[in-house]
Amino acid sequence: MSTFLEAIENRRSIYALDKNIKVSKDEIVEAIQQAVKFSPSAFNSQTAHVLVLFGAESEKIWGEGGITETELRKVIPEGQDFAPTAQKLASFNAGVGTVLFYEDQDVVKGLQEKFALYADNFPVWSEHSTGITQFAVWTALSDIGIGASLQHYNPLIDEAVAAEFNVPKNWKLRAQMPFGNIAAPAGEKAFAPIEDRVKVIG
């Protein structure tokens, strides 16, 4: 188990995935559950929800002829080469699963009604909640040796995914995270000078 800062540093976008994971499905689910449970949210609203898909269920999202390919083909201009997109989807499909991140809009609306003074802020805070949860899950997976990347094919795939997995109508899809064994490490990452990003006063 790494320290918190080491875990943050080690988390990267991993696009080269395969199915040769060295941890169990139960360990993956437990890591995701813990990350979701302890991710903070405004007013302790706990608006974040996830669906964890494994195997054939995940392939329904990324596989050839699956939901994402089908929806993309509807909007990509005729004659445009689909091969690069198909290759990208295949890289996601090469993993063992996918985490779908949702925000509960009924909770957001309920808070807007209860705390009218902050009504305009609750949708913004909901986005904060999903961002925190995505980062927590991503880092938790990395910490047990599972690679992942964060994708955003919403709202293009929302309706088809909701129909396929019987997603509650009040859940709004915010991101998708394909995951699996790290088949190849992430490349070097460039960083802007931290002094330009963190200003210390006093």
N, C-alpha and C. Protein backbone atom coordinates (compact mmCIF):
# COMPACT_ATOMS: atom_id res chain seq x y z
N MET A 1 0.85 -1.19 0.00
CA MET A 1 0.00 0.00 0.00
C MET A 1 0.89 1.25 0.00
N SER A 2 0.71 2.11 -0.98
CA SER A 2 1.52 3.31 -1.07
C SER A 2 0.96 4.40 -0.18
N THR A 3 1.76 5.43 0.03
CA THR A 3 1.25 6.59 0.75
C THR A 3 0.29 7.34 -0.17
N PHE A 4 -0.48 8.24 0.41
CA PHE A 4 -1.47 8.98 -0.37
C PHE A 4 -0.83 9.76 -1.51
N LEU A 5 0.25 10.49 -1.23
CA LEU A 5 0.88 11.29 -2.28
C LEU A 5 1.53 10.41 -3.34
N GLU A 6 2.08 9.29 -2.93
CA GLU A 6 2.64 8.35 -3.91
C GLU A 6 1.54 7.79 -4.81
N ALA A 7 0.39 7.51 -4.21
CA ALA A 7 -0.74 6.99 -4.99
C ALA A 7 -1.20 8.00 -6.03
N ILE A 8 -1.25 9.27 -5.64
CA ILE A 8 -1.63 10.33 -6.58
C ILE A 8 -0.62 10.43 -7.71
N GLU A 9 0.65 10.36 -7.36
CA GLU A 9 1.71 10.46 -8.37
C GLU A 9 1.68 9.28 -9.34
N ASN A 10 1.35 8.10 -8.84
CA ASN A 10 1.39 6.89 -9.66
C ASN A 10 0.18 6.75 -10.58
N ARG A 11 -0.90 7.44 -10.26
CA ARG A 11 -2.10 7.34 -11.10
C ARG A 11 -1.86 8.01 -12.45
N ARG A 12 -2.07 7.27 -13.51
CA ARG A 12 -1.88 7.80 -14.86
C ARG A 12 -2.99 7.31 -15.78
N SER A 13 -3.11 7.94 -16.93
CA SER A 13 -4.03 7.45 -17.95
C SER A 13 -3.37 6.27 -18.65
N ILE A 14 -3.95 5.09 -18.50
CA ILE A 14 -3.40 3.88 -19.10
C ILE A 14 -4.31 3.44 -20.24
N TYR A 15 -3.77 3.45 -21.45
CA TYR A 15 -4.55 3.09 -22.62
C TYR A 15 -4.24 1.68 -23.14
N ALA A 16 -3.10 1.15 -22.75
CA ALA A 16 -2.73 -0.21 -23.16
C ALA A 16 -3.17 -1.17 -22.06
N LEU A 17 -4.32 -1.79 -22.27
CA LEU A 17 -4.91 -2.68 -21.27
C LEU A 17 -4.97 -4.11 -21.79
N ASP A 18 -4.95 -5.07 -20.87
CA ASP A 18 -5.29 -6.44 -21.22
C ASP A 18 -6.02 -7.07 -20.03
N LYS A 19 -6.32 -8.33 -20.14
CA LYS A 19 -7.15 -9.00 -19.13
C LYS A 19 -6.34 -9.78 -18.09
N ASN A 20 -5.03 -9.65 -18.11
CA ASN A 20 -4.17 -10.44 -17.22
C ASN A 20 -4.02 -9.78 -15.85
N ILE A 21 -5.15 -9.51 -15.20
CA ILE A 21 -5.09 -8.85 -13.90
C ILE A 21 -4.56 -9.79 -12.83
N LYS A 22 -3.90 -9.20 -11.83
CA LYS A 22 -3.28 -9.98 -10.77
C LYS A 22 -4.04 -9.87 -9.45
N VAL A 23 -5.17 -9.20 -9.49
CA VAL A 23 -6.04 -9.10 -8.31
C VAL A 23 -7.41 -9.66 -8.69
N SER A 24 -8.19 -10.00 -7.69
CA SER A 24 -9.49 -10.61 -7.94
C SER A 24 -10.55 -9.56 -8.26
N LYS A 25 -11.64 -10.02 -8.85
CA LYS A 25 -12.80 -9.16 -9.10
C LYS A 25 -13.29 -8.55 -7.80
N ASP A 26 -13.33 -9.35 -6.73
CA ASP A 26 -13.79 -8.85 -5.44
C ASP A 26 -12.91 -7.72 -4.92
N GLU A 27 -11.60 -7.82 -5.13
CA GLU A 27 -10.69 -6.77 -4.69
C GLU A 27 -10.92 -5.48 -5.46
N ILE A 28 -11.19 -5.61 -6.74
CA ILE A 28 -11.47 -4.44 -7.57
C ILE A 28 -12.76 -3.77 -7.09
N VAL A 29 -13.79 -4.56 -6.89
CA VAL A 29 -15.07 -4.01 -6.44
C VAL A 29 -14.93 -3.35 -5.08
N GLU A 30 -14.18 -3.97 -4.18
CA GLU A 30 -14.00 -3.39 -2.84
C GLU A 30 -13.28 -2.05 -2.92
N ALA A 31 -12.26 -1.96 -3.76
CA ALA A 31 -11.53 -0.70 -3.92
C ALA A 31 -12.46 0.40 -4.44
N ILE A 32 -13.30 0.06 -5.41
CA ILE A 32 -14.23 1.03 -5.97
C ILE A 32 -15.26 1.44 -4.92
N GLN A 33 -15.78 0.48 -4.19
CA GLN A 33 -16.78 0.78 -3.15
C GLN A 33 -16.21 1.72 -2.10
N GLN A 34 -15.00 1.45 -1.65
CA GLN A 34 -14.38 2.29 -0.63
C GLN A 34 -14.15 3.70 -1.14
N ALA A 35 -13.70 3.79 -2.39
CA ALA A 35 -13.44 5.11 -2.98
C ALA A 35 -14.72 5.92 -3.10
N VAL A 36 -15.80 5.28 -3.55
CA VAL A 36 -17.07 5.98 -3.68
C VAL A 36 -17.62 6.37 -2.31
N LYS A 37 -17.56 5.45 -1.36
CA LYS A 37 -18.13 5.68 -0.03
C LYS A 37 -17.50 6.88 0.66
N PHE A 38 -16.20 7.01 0.54
CA PHE A 38 -15.51 8.05 1.30
C PHE A 38 -15.16 9.29 0.49
N SER A 39 -15.68 9.41 -0.72
CA SER A 39 -15.48 10.64 -1.49
C SER A 39 -16.41 11.72 -0.95
N PRO A 40 -15.88 12.90 -0.63
CA PRO A 40 -16.71 13.95 -0.05
C PRO A 40 -17.65 14.58 -1.07
N SER A 41 -18.75 15.16 -0.56
CA SER A 41 -19.71 15.85 -1.42
C SER A 41 -20.35 16.98 -0.63
N ALA A 42 -20.78 18.01 -1.35
CA ALA A 42 -21.41 19.16 -0.71
C ALA A 42 -22.65 18.74 0.07
N PHE A 43 -22.78 19.23 1.29
CA PHE A 43 -23.91 18.92 2.16
C PHE A 43 -24.03 17.41 2.42
N ASN A 44 -22.92 16.69 2.24
CA ASN A 44 -22.92 15.23 2.34
C ASN A 44 -24.04 14.64 1.47
N SER A 45 -24.21 15.22 0.29
CA SER A 45 -25.32 14.85 -0.58
C SER A 45 -25.17 13.46 -1.20
N GLN A 46 -23.93 12.99 -1.34
CA GLN A 46 -23.64 11.65 -1.86
C GLN A 46 -24.38 11.41 -3.18
N THR A 47 -24.26 12.39 -4.06
CA THR A 47 -24.93 12.31 -5.36
C THR A 47 -24.26 11.32 -6.32
N ALA A 48 -23.02 10.95 -6.06
CA ALA A 48 -22.28 10.08 -6.98
C ALA A 48 -22.74 8.63 -6.86
N HIS A 49 -22.95 8.03 -8.01
CA HIS A 49 -23.28 6.61 -8.11
C HIS A 49 -22.43 6.02 -9.23
N VAL A 50 -22.16 4.73 -9.16
CA VAL A 50 -21.42 4.08 -10.24
C VAL A 50 -22.04 2.75 -10.60
N LEU A 51 -21.87 2.36 -11.85
CA LEU A 51 -22.13 1.00 -12.30
C LEU A 51 -20.78 0.40 -12.65
N VAL A 52 -20.51 -0.78 -12.15
CA VAL A 52 -19.26 -1.48 -12.45
C VAL A 52 -19.58 -2.66 -13.35
N LEU A 53 -19.05 -2.63 -14.55
CA LEU A 53 -19.33 -3.66 -15.55
C LEU A 53 -18.09 -4.52 -15.76
N PHE A 54 -18.27 -5.83 -15.79
CA PHE A 54 -17.18 -6.75 -16.05
C PHE A 54 -17.49 -7.60 -17.29
N GLY A 55 -16.42 -8.03 -17.96
CA GLY A 55 -16.55 -9.01 -19.02
C GLY A 55 -17.49 -8.61 -20.13
N ALA A 56 -18.44 -9.49 -20.43
CA ALA A 56 -19.36 -9.28 -21.55
C ALA A 56 -20.20 -8.03 -21.37
N GLU A 57 -20.48 -7.65 -20.12
CA GLU A 57 -21.26 -6.43 -19.88
C GLU A 57 -20.48 -5.19 -20.28
N SER A 58 -19.19 -5.18 -19.97
CA SER A 58 -18.33 -4.06 -20.38
C SER A 58 -18.17 -4.03 -21.90
N GLU A 59 -18.11 -5.21 -22.51
CA GLU A 59 -17.97 -5.28 -23.96
C GLU A 59 -19.17 -4.68 -24.69
N LYS A 60 -20.32 -4.64 -24.01
CA LYS A 60 -21.49 -4.00 -24.62
C LYS A 60 -21.25 -2.50 -24.84
N ILE A 61 -20.35 -1.93 -24.05
CA ILE A 61 -20.01 -0.51 -24.20
C ILE A 61 -18.99 -0.31 -25.31
N TRP A 62 -17.91 -1.12 -25.30
CA TRP A 62 -16.76 -0.85 -26.16
C TRP A 62 -16.57 -1.81 -27.32
N GLY A 63 -17.24 -2.95 -27.30
CA GLY A 63 -16.98 -3.98 -28.31
C GLY A 63 -17.44 -3.60 -29.71
N GLU A 64 -16.96 -4.37 -30.68
CA GLU A 64 -17.35 -4.15 -32.07
C GLU A 64 -18.86 -4.31 -32.20
N GLY A 65 -19.51 -3.30 -32.76
CA GLY A 65 -20.95 -3.32 -32.88
C GLY A 65 -21.68 -2.98 -31.60
N GLY A 66 -20.92 -2.58 -30.58
CA GLY A 66 -21.49 -2.24 -29.28
C GLY A 66 -22.09 -0.85 -29.26
N ILE A 67 -22.48 -0.43 -28.07
CA ILE A 67 -23.22 0.83 -27.91
C ILE A 67 -22.43 2.04 -28.43
N THR A 68 -21.18 2.17 -28.01
CA THR A 68 -20.42 3.37 -28.38
C THR A 68 -20.16 3.42 -29.87
N GLU A 69 -19.77 2.29 -30.45
CA GLU A 69 -19.53 2.27 -31.90
C GLU A 69 -20.82 2.60 -32.66
N THR A 70 -21.91 2.00 -32.25
CA THR A 70 -23.19 2.22 -32.92
C THR A 70 -23.58 3.70 -32.89
N GLU A 71 -23.46 4.33 -31.74
CA GLU A 71 -23.85 5.73 -31.61
C GLU A 71 -22.88 6.66 -32.34
N LEU A 72 -21.59 6.34 -32.33
CA LEU A 72 -20.63 7.16 -33.05
C LEU A 72 -20.84 7.11 -34.56
N ARG A 73 -21.17 5.93 -35.05
CA ARG A 73 -21.38 5.80 -36.51
C ARG A 73 -22.57 6.63 -36.99
N LYS A 74 -23.48 6.94 -36.09
CA LYS A 74 -24.64 7.76 -36.46
C LYS A 74 -24.27 9.22 -36.68
N VAL A 75 -23.16 9.66 -36.06
CA VAL A 75 -22.82 11.09 -36.13
C VAL A 75 -21.54 11.38 -36.90
N ILE A 76 -20.74 10.37 -37.16
CA ILE A 76 -19.51 10.60 -37.92
C ILE A 76 -19.86 10.80 -39.39
N PRO A 77 -19.32 11.84 -40.02
CA PRO A 77 -19.65 12.14 -41.42
C PRO A 77 -19.37 10.95 -42.34
N GLU A 78 -20.22 10.77 -43.31
CA GLU A 78 -20.06 9.69 -44.28
C GLU A 78 -18.74 9.85 -45.01
N GLY A 79 -18.04 8.77 -45.15
CA GLY A 79 -16.75 8.79 -45.83
C GLY A 79 -15.56 9.00 -44.92
N GLN A 80 -15.80 9.42 -43.68
CA GLN A 80 -14.69 9.61 -42.74
C GLN A 80 -14.17 8.26 -42.29
N ASP A 81 -12.86 8.14 -42.22
CA ASP A 81 -12.22 6.88 -41.82
C ASP A 81 -12.54 6.58 -40.36
N PHE A 82 -13.21 5.46 -40.12
CA PHE A 82 -13.59 5.08 -38.77
C PHE A 82 -12.51 4.25 -38.07
N ALA A 83 -11.48 3.85 -38.81
CA ALA A 83 -10.47 2.93 -38.27
C ALA A 83 -9.79 3.45 -36.99
N PRO A 84 -9.35 4.73 -36.94
CA PRO A 84 -8.71 5.21 -35.71
C PRO A 84 -9.65 5.14 -34.50
N THR A 85 -10.92 5.46 -34.72
CA THR A 85 -11.89 5.39 -33.64
C THR A 85 -12.11 3.94 -33.21
N ALA A 86 -12.21 3.05 -34.18
CA ALA A 86 -12.39 1.63 -33.87
C ALA A 86 -11.21 1.09 -33.07
N GLN A 87 -10.01 1.55 -33.41
CA GLN A 87 -8.81 1.12 -32.70
C GLN A 87 -8.83 1.61 -31.25
N LYS A 88 -9.29 2.83 -31.05
CA LYS A 88 -9.38 3.37 -29.69
C LYS A 88 -10.40 2.58 -28.87
N LEU A 89 -11.56 2.31 -29.45
CA LEU A 89 -12.58 1.54 -28.74
C LEU A 89 -12.08 0.14 -28.41
N ALA A 90 -11.33 -0.45 -29.33
CA ALA A 90 -10.77 -1.79 -29.10
C ALA A 90 -9.80 -1.78 -27.93
N SER A 91 -9.06 -0.67 -27.76
CA SER A 91 -8.12 -0.59 -26.63
C SER A 91 -8.87 -0.55 -25.31
N PHE A 92 -10.03 0.10 -25.28
CA PHE A 92 -10.84 0.10 -24.06
C PHE A 92 -11.44 -1.29 -23.82
N ASN A 93 -11.85 -1.93 -24.89
CA ASN A 93 -12.48 -3.25 -24.79
C ASN A 93 -11.49 -4.33 -24.38
N ALA A 94 -10.20 -4.05 -24.53
CA ALA A 94 -9.17 -5.05 -24.20
C ALA A 94 -9.04 -5.27 -22.70
N GLY A 95 -9.59 -4.35 -21.89
CA GLY A 95 -9.50 -4.49 -20.44
C GLY A 95 -10.51 -5.48 -19.90
N VAL A 96 -10.68 -5.46 -18.59
CA VAL A 96 -11.59 -6.42 -17.94
C VAL A 96 -12.92 -5.81 -17.54
N GLY A 97 -13.01 -4.47 -17.54
CA GLY A 97 -14.26 -3.87 -17.09
C GLY A 97 -14.32 -2.38 -17.32
N THR A 98 -15.42 -1.80 -16.88
CA THR A 98 -15.66 -0.37 -17.03
C THR A 98 -16.45 0.13 -15.83
N VAL A 99 -16.06 1.30 -15.35
CA VAL A 99 -16.85 1.99 -14.33
C VAL A 99 -17.61 3.11 -15.02
N LEU A 100 -18.93 3.14 -14.83
CA LEU A 100 -19.75 4.23 -15.34
C LEU A 100 -20.09 5.14 -14.16
N PHE A 101 -19.82 6.42 -14.30
CA PHE A 101 -20.05 7.39 -13.23
C PHE A 101 -21.32 8.18 -13.48
N TYR A 102 -22.16 8.25 -12.45
CA TYR A 102 -23.44 8.95 -12.55
C TYR A 102 -23.60 9.95 -11.41
N GLU A 103 -24.47 10.94 -11.64
CA GLU A 103 -24.89 11.87 -10.60
C GLU A 103 -26.41 11.83 -10.48
N ASP A 104 -26.89 11.72 -9.25
CA ASP A 104 -28.32 11.60 -8.97
C ASP A 104 -28.99 12.98 -9.02
N GLN A 105 -29.74 13.21 -10.09
CA GLN A 105 -30.36 14.52 -10.29
C GLN A 105 -31.53 14.79 -9.35
N ASP A 106 -32.17 13.74 -8.84
CA ASP A 106 -33.24 13.94 -7.86
C ASP A 106 -32.70 14.53 -6.58
N VAL A 107 -31.52 14.08 -6.17
CA VAL A 107 -30.89 14.63 -4.97
C VAL A 107 -30.52 16.09 -5.19
N VAL A 108 -29.98 16.39 -6.37
CA VAL A 108 -29.62 17.78 -6.69
C VAL A 108 -30.85 18.68 -6.64
N LYS A 109 -31.94 18.24 -7.28
CA LYS A 109 -33.16 19.05 -7.30
C LYS A 109 -33.75 19.20 -5.90
N GLY A 110 -33.68 18.14 -5.10
CA GLY A 110 -34.19 18.21 -3.74
C GLY A 110 -33.44 19.22 -2.90
N LEU A 111 -32.13 19.27 -3.07
CA LEU A 111 -31.32 20.24 -2.35
C LEU A 111 -31.60 21.66 -2.84
N GLN A 112 -31.83 21.82 -4.13
CA GLN A 112 -32.17 23.14 -4.66
C GLN A 112 -33.46 23.67 -4.04
N GLU A 113 -34.42 22.77 -3.85
CA GLU A 113 -35.69 23.17 -3.25
C GLU A 113 -35.55 23.44 -1.76
N LYS A 114 -34.75 22.66 -1.09
CA LYS A 114 -34.59 22.79 0.36
C LYS A 114 -33.75 24.00 0.73
N PHE A 115 -32.73 24.26 -0.08
CA PHE A 115 -31.82 25.37 0.20
C PHE A 115 -31.83 26.33 -1.00
N ALA A 116 -32.93 27.05 -1.16
CA ALA A 116 -33.13 27.88 -2.34
C ALA A 116 -32.04 28.93 -2.53
N LEU A 117 -31.46 29.40 -1.44
CA LEU A 117 -30.42 30.41 -1.53
C LEU A 117 -29.22 29.92 -2.34
N TYR A 118 -28.97 28.61 -2.30
CA TYR A 118 -27.82 28.02 -3.00
C TYR A 118 -28.23 27.24 -4.24
N ALA A 119 -29.45 27.45 -4.71
CA ALA A 119 -29.99 26.62 -5.79
C ALA A 119 -29.09 26.55 -7.02
N ASP A 120 -28.53 27.68 -7.40
CA ASP A 120 -27.69 27.72 -8.60
C ASP A 120 -26.38 26.94 -8.41
N ASN A 121 -25.98 26.75 -7.16
CA ASN A 121 -24.69 26.11 -6.89
C ASN A 121 -24.74 24.58 -6.88
N PHE A 122 -25.91 24.02 -6.61
CA PHE A 122 -25.96 22.57 -6.43
C PHE A 122 -25.58 21.78 -7.69
N PRO A 123 -25.97 22.21 -8.90
CA PRO A 123 -25.48 21.49 -10.08
C PRO A 123 -23.96 21.58 -10.22
N VAL A 124 -23.39 22.73 -9.84
CA VAL A 124 -21.94 22.89 -9.89
C VAL A 124 -21.29 21.97 -8.86
N TRP A 125 -21.83 21.95 -7.66
CA TRP A 125 -21.27 21.08 -6.62
C TRP A 125 -21.42 19.61 -6.97
N SER A 126 -22.47 19.28 -7.70
CA SER A 126 -22.63 17.91 -8.18
C SER A 126 -21.48 17.53 -9.12
N GLU A 127 -21.08 18.47 -9.97
CA GLU A 127 -19.95 18.21 -10.86
C GLU A 127 -18.66 18.05 -10.05
N HIS A 128 -18.53 18.82 -8.98
CA HIS A 128 -17.38 18.63 -8.09
C HIS A 128 -17.40 17.22 -7.52
N SER A 129 -18.58 16.78 -7.10
CA SER A 129 -18.72 15.46 -6.48
C SER A 129 -18.30 14.35 -7.43
N THR A 130 -18.75 14.43 -8.68
CA THR A 130 -18.39 13.37 -9.61
C THR A 130 -16.90 13.41 -9.93
N GLY A 131 -16.34 14.62 -10.03
CA GLY A 131 -14.91 14.74 -10.29
C GLY A 131 -14.08 14.12 -9.17
N ILE A 132 -14.46 14.42 -7.94
CA ILE A 132 -13.75 13.85 -6.79
C ILE A 132 -13.87 12.34 -6.79
N THR A 133 -15.08 11.83 -7.06
CA THR A 133 -15.30 10.39 -7.06
C THR A 133 -14.52 9.70 -8.17
N GLN A 134 -14.50 10.31 -9.34
CA GLN A 134 -13.73 9.74 -10.45
C GLN A 134 -12.25 9.65 -10.10
N PHE A 135 -11.73 10.72 -9.53
CA PHE A 135 -10.32 10.72 -9.15
C PHE A 135 -10.04 9.68 -8.06
N ALA A 136 -10.93 9.57 -7.08
CA ALA A 136 -10.74 8.63 -6.00
C ALA A 136 -10.75 7.19 -6.52
N VAL A 137 -11.71 6.87 -7.38
CA VAL A 137 -11.79 5.52 -7.94
C VAL A 137 -10.57 5.22 -8.79
N TRP A 138 -10.19 6.17 -9.62
CA TRP A 138 -9.04 6.02 -10.51
C TRP A 138 -7.77 5.74 -9.69
N THR A 139 -7.58 6.51 -8.64
CA THR A 139 -6.40 6.35 -7.79
C THR A 139 -6.45 5.04 -7.02
N ALA A 140 -7.63 4.66 -6.54
CA ALA A 140 -7.78 3.40 -5.82
C ALA A 140 -7.46 2.21 -6.71
N LEU A 141 -7.89 2.26 -7.97
CA LEU A 141 -7.56 1.19 -8.91
C LEU A 141 -6.07 1.14 -9.18
N SER A 142 -5.49 2.30 -9.40
CA SER A 142 -4.05 2.36 -9.62
C SER A 142 -3.28 1.77 -8.45
N ASP A 143 -3.78 2.02 -7.24
CA ASP A 143 -3.09 1.59 -6.04
C ASP A 143 -3.06 0.06 -5.89
N ILE A 144 -3.98 -0.63 -6.58
CA ILE A 144 -3.95 -2.10 -6.54
C ILE A 144 -3.45 -2.69 -7.86
N GLY A 145 -2.80 -1.83 -8.65
CA GLY A 145 -2.15 -2.31 -9.86
C GLY A 145 -3.04 -2.40 -11.08
N ILE A 146 -4.18 -1.72 -11.05
CA ILE A 146 -5.12 -1.74 -12.18
C ILE A 146 -5.01 -0.43 -12.96
N GLY A 147 -4.83 -0.54 -14.27
CA GLY A 147 -4.75 0.64 -15.12
C GLY A 147 -6.12 1.09 -15.59
N ALA A 148 -6.28 2.38 -15.84
CA ALA A 148 -7.56 2.91 -16.27
C ALA A 148 -7.34 4.25 -16.98
N SER A 149 -8.37 4.67 -17.69
CA SER A 149 -8.39 6.02 -18.28
C SER A 149 -9.82 6.53 -18.16
N LEU A 150 -9.97 7.84 -18.28
CA LEU A 150 -11.28 8.46 -18.13
C LEU A 150 -11.78 8.92 -19.49
N GLN A 151 -12.98 8.47 -19.86
CA GLN A 151 -13.56 8.78 -21.16
C GLN A 151 -14.89 9.51 -21.00
N HIS A 152 -15.27 10.25 -22.05
CA HIS A 152 -16.51 11.03 -22.00
C HIS A 152 -17.26 10.91 -23.33
N TYR A 153 -18.00 9.82 -23.46
CA TYR A 153 -18.84 9.62 -24.63
C TYR A 153 -20.29 10.00 -24.34
N ASN A 154 -20.51 10.55 -23.14
CA ASN A 154 -21.82 11.10 -22.81
C ASN A 154 -21.92 12.52 -23.42
N PRO A 155 -23.09 12.97 -23.83
CA PRO A 155 -24.39 12.31 -23.72
C PRO A 155 -24.73 11.39 -24.90
N LEU A 156 -23.77 11.20 -25.80
CA LEU A 156 -24.05 10.42 -27.02
C LEU A 156 -24.59 9.03 -26.71
N ILE A 157 -24.04 8.38 -25.69
CA ILE A 157 -24.41 7.00 -25.41
C ILE A 157 -25.41 6.85 -24.27
N ASP A 158 -25.83 7.96 -23.69
CA ASP A 158 -26.63 7.91 -22.46
C ASP A 158 -27.89 7.05 -22.58
N GLU A 159 -28.69 7.32 -23.60
CA GLU A 159 -29.98 6.63 -23.71
C GLU A 159 -29.79 5.13 -23.93
N ALA A 160 -28.86 4.77 -24.78
CA ALA A 160 -28.64 3.35 -25.07
C ALA A 160 -28.09 2.61 -23.85
N VAL A 161 -27.20 3.25 -23.12
CA VAL A 161 -26.66 2.63 -21.91
C VAL A 161 -27.75 2.49 -20.85
N ALA A 162 -28.56 3.52 -20.69
CA ALA A 162 -29.64 3.48 -19.71
C ALA A 162 -30.62 2.35 -20.02
N ALA A 163 -30.93 2.18 -21.30
CA ALA A 163 -31.85 1.12 -21.68
C ALA A 163 -31.24 -0.26 -21.48
N GLU A 164 -29.97 -0.39 -21.80
CA GLU A 164 -29.30 -1.69 -21.69
C GLU A 164 -29.17 -2.16 -20.25
N PHE A 165 -28.88 -1.22 -19.34
CA PHE A 165 -28.58 -1.61 -17.96
C PHE A 165 -29.66 -1.16 -16.97
N ASN A 166 -30.80 -0.73 -17.50
CA ASN A 166 -31.92 -0.34 -16.64
C ASN A 166 -31.51 0.72 -15.62
N VAL A 167 -30.84 1.75 -16.09
CA VAL A 167 -30.35 2.82 -15.24
C VAL A 167 -31.51 3.71 -14.81
N PRO A 168 -31.60 4.08 -13.53
CA PRO A 168 -32.68 4.98 -13.09
C PRO A 168 -32.69 6.28 -13.89
N LYS A 169 -33.86 6.80 -14.17
CA LYS A 169 -33.99 8.00 -14.99
C LYS A 169 -33.34 9.23 -14.36
N ASN A 170 -33.24 9.22 -13.03
CA ASN A 170 -32.66 10.38 -12.35
C ASN A 170 -31.13 10.34 -12.28
N TRP A 171 -30.52 9.29 -12.81
CA TRP A 171 -29.07 9.20 -12.84
C TRP A 171 -28.56 9.80 -14.16
N LYS A 172 -27.63 10.72 -14.06
CA LYS A 172 -27.06 11.38 -15.24
C LYS A 172 -25.63 10.88 -15.44
N LEU A 173 -25.36 10.33 -16.61
CA LEU A 173 -24.03 9.79 -16.91
C LEU A 173 -23.02 10.92 -17.09
N ARG A 174 -21.89 10.81 -16.40
CA ARG A 174 -20.88 11.86 -16.46
C ARG A 174 -19.56 11.40 -17.06
N ALA A 175 -19.21 10.11 -16.94
CA ALA A 175 -17.92 9.64 -17.46
C ALA A 175 -17.89 8.13 -17.49
N GLN A 176 -16.94 7.61 -18.25
CA GLN A 176 -16.73 6.17 -18.35
C GLN A 176 -15.26 5.87 -18.11
N MET A 177 -14.96 4.80 -17.37
CA MET A 177 -13.58 4.47 -17.03
C MET A 177 -13.29 2.99 -17.34
N PRO A 178 -12.79 2.71 -18.55
CA PRO A 178 -12.36 1.34 -18.84
C PRO A 178 -11.11 1.00 -18.03
N PHE A 179 -11.04 -0.24 -17.52
CA PHE A 179 -9.90 -0.61 -16.69
C PHE A 179 -9.45 -2.04 -16.97
N GLY A 180 -8.23 -2.33 -16.60
CA GLY A 180 -7.68 -3.67 -16.79
C GLY A 180 -6.24 -3.74 -16.35
N ASN A 181 -5.57 -4.82 -16.73
CA ASN A 181 -4.15 -4.94 -16.43
C ASN A 181 -3.36 -3.94 -17.26
N ILE A 182 -2.29 -3.43 -16.70
CA ILE A 182 -1.44 -2.47 -17.41
C ILE A 182 -0.52 -3.23 -18.37
N ALA A 183 -0.87 -3.20 -19.66
CA ALA A 183 -0.09 -3.91 -20.67
C ALA A 183 1.16 -3.15 -21.06
N ALA A 184 1.11 -1.83 -20.93
CA ALA A 184 2.27 -0.97 -21.22
C ALA A 184 2.11 0.28 -20.37
N PRO A 185 3.21 0.76 -19.78
CA PRO A 185 3.11 1.93 -18.90
C PRO A 185 2.80 3.20 -19.67
N ALA A 186 2.32 4.20 -18.95
CA ALA A 186 2.09 5.51 -19.55
C ALA A 186 3.42 6.14 -19.92
N GLY A 187 3.39 7.03 -20.89
CA GLY A 187 4.61 7.72 -21.30
C GLY A 187 4.97 8.83 -20.34
N GLU A 188 6.03 9.52 -20.67
CA GLU A 188 6.47 10.65 -19.85
C GLU A 188 5.41 11.75 -19.86
N LYS A 189 5.28 12.44 -18.76
CA LYS A 189 4.29 13.50 -18.64
C LYS A 189 5.00 14.82 -18.35
N ALA A 190 4.64 15.85 -19.10
CA ALA A 190 5.24 17.17 -18.90
C ALA A 190 4.44 17.95 -17.86
N PHE A 191 5.14 18.69 -17.03
CA PHE A 191 4.48 19.50 -16.00
C PHE A 191 4.91 20.95 -16.14
N ALA A 192 3.94 21.85 -16.06
CA ALA A 192 4.25 23.27 -15.99
C ALA A 192 4.94 23.53 -14.64
N PRO A 193 5.76 24.57 -14.56
CA PRO A 193 6.42 24.87 -13.28
C PRO A 193 5.40 25.00 -12.16
N ILE A 194 5.59 24.26 -11.10
CA ILE A 194 4.61 24.25 -10.02
C ILE A 194 4.50 25.62 -9.35
N GLU A 195 5.57 26.40 -9.42
CA GLU A 195 5.55 27.75 -8.83
C GLU A 195 4.55 28.65 -9.56
N ASP A 196 4.27 28.33 -10.85
CA ASP A 196 3.30 29.11 -11.60
C ASP A 196 1.87 28.71 -11.25
N ARG A 197 1.72 27.55 -10.68
CA ARG A 197 0.38 27.03 -10.40
C ARG A 197 -0.01 27.13 -8.91
N VAL A 198 0.99 27.13 -8.07
CA VAL A 198 0.75 27.23 -6.62
C VAL A 198 1.44 28.47 -6.09
N LYS A 199 0.67 29.45 -5.70
CA LYS A 199 1.22 30.68 -5.15
C LYS A 199 1.08 30.66 -3.63
N VAL A 200 2.16 30.95 -2.95
CA VAL A 200 2.17 30.95 -1.49
C VAL A 200 2.29 32.38 -1.00
N ILE A 201 1.36 32.79 -0.15
CA ILE A 201 1.35 34.15 0.39
C ILE A 201 1.46 34.09 1.91
N GLY A 202 2.40 34.82 2.46
CA GLY A 202 2.53 34.86 3.92
C GLY A 202 3.63 33.95 4.42
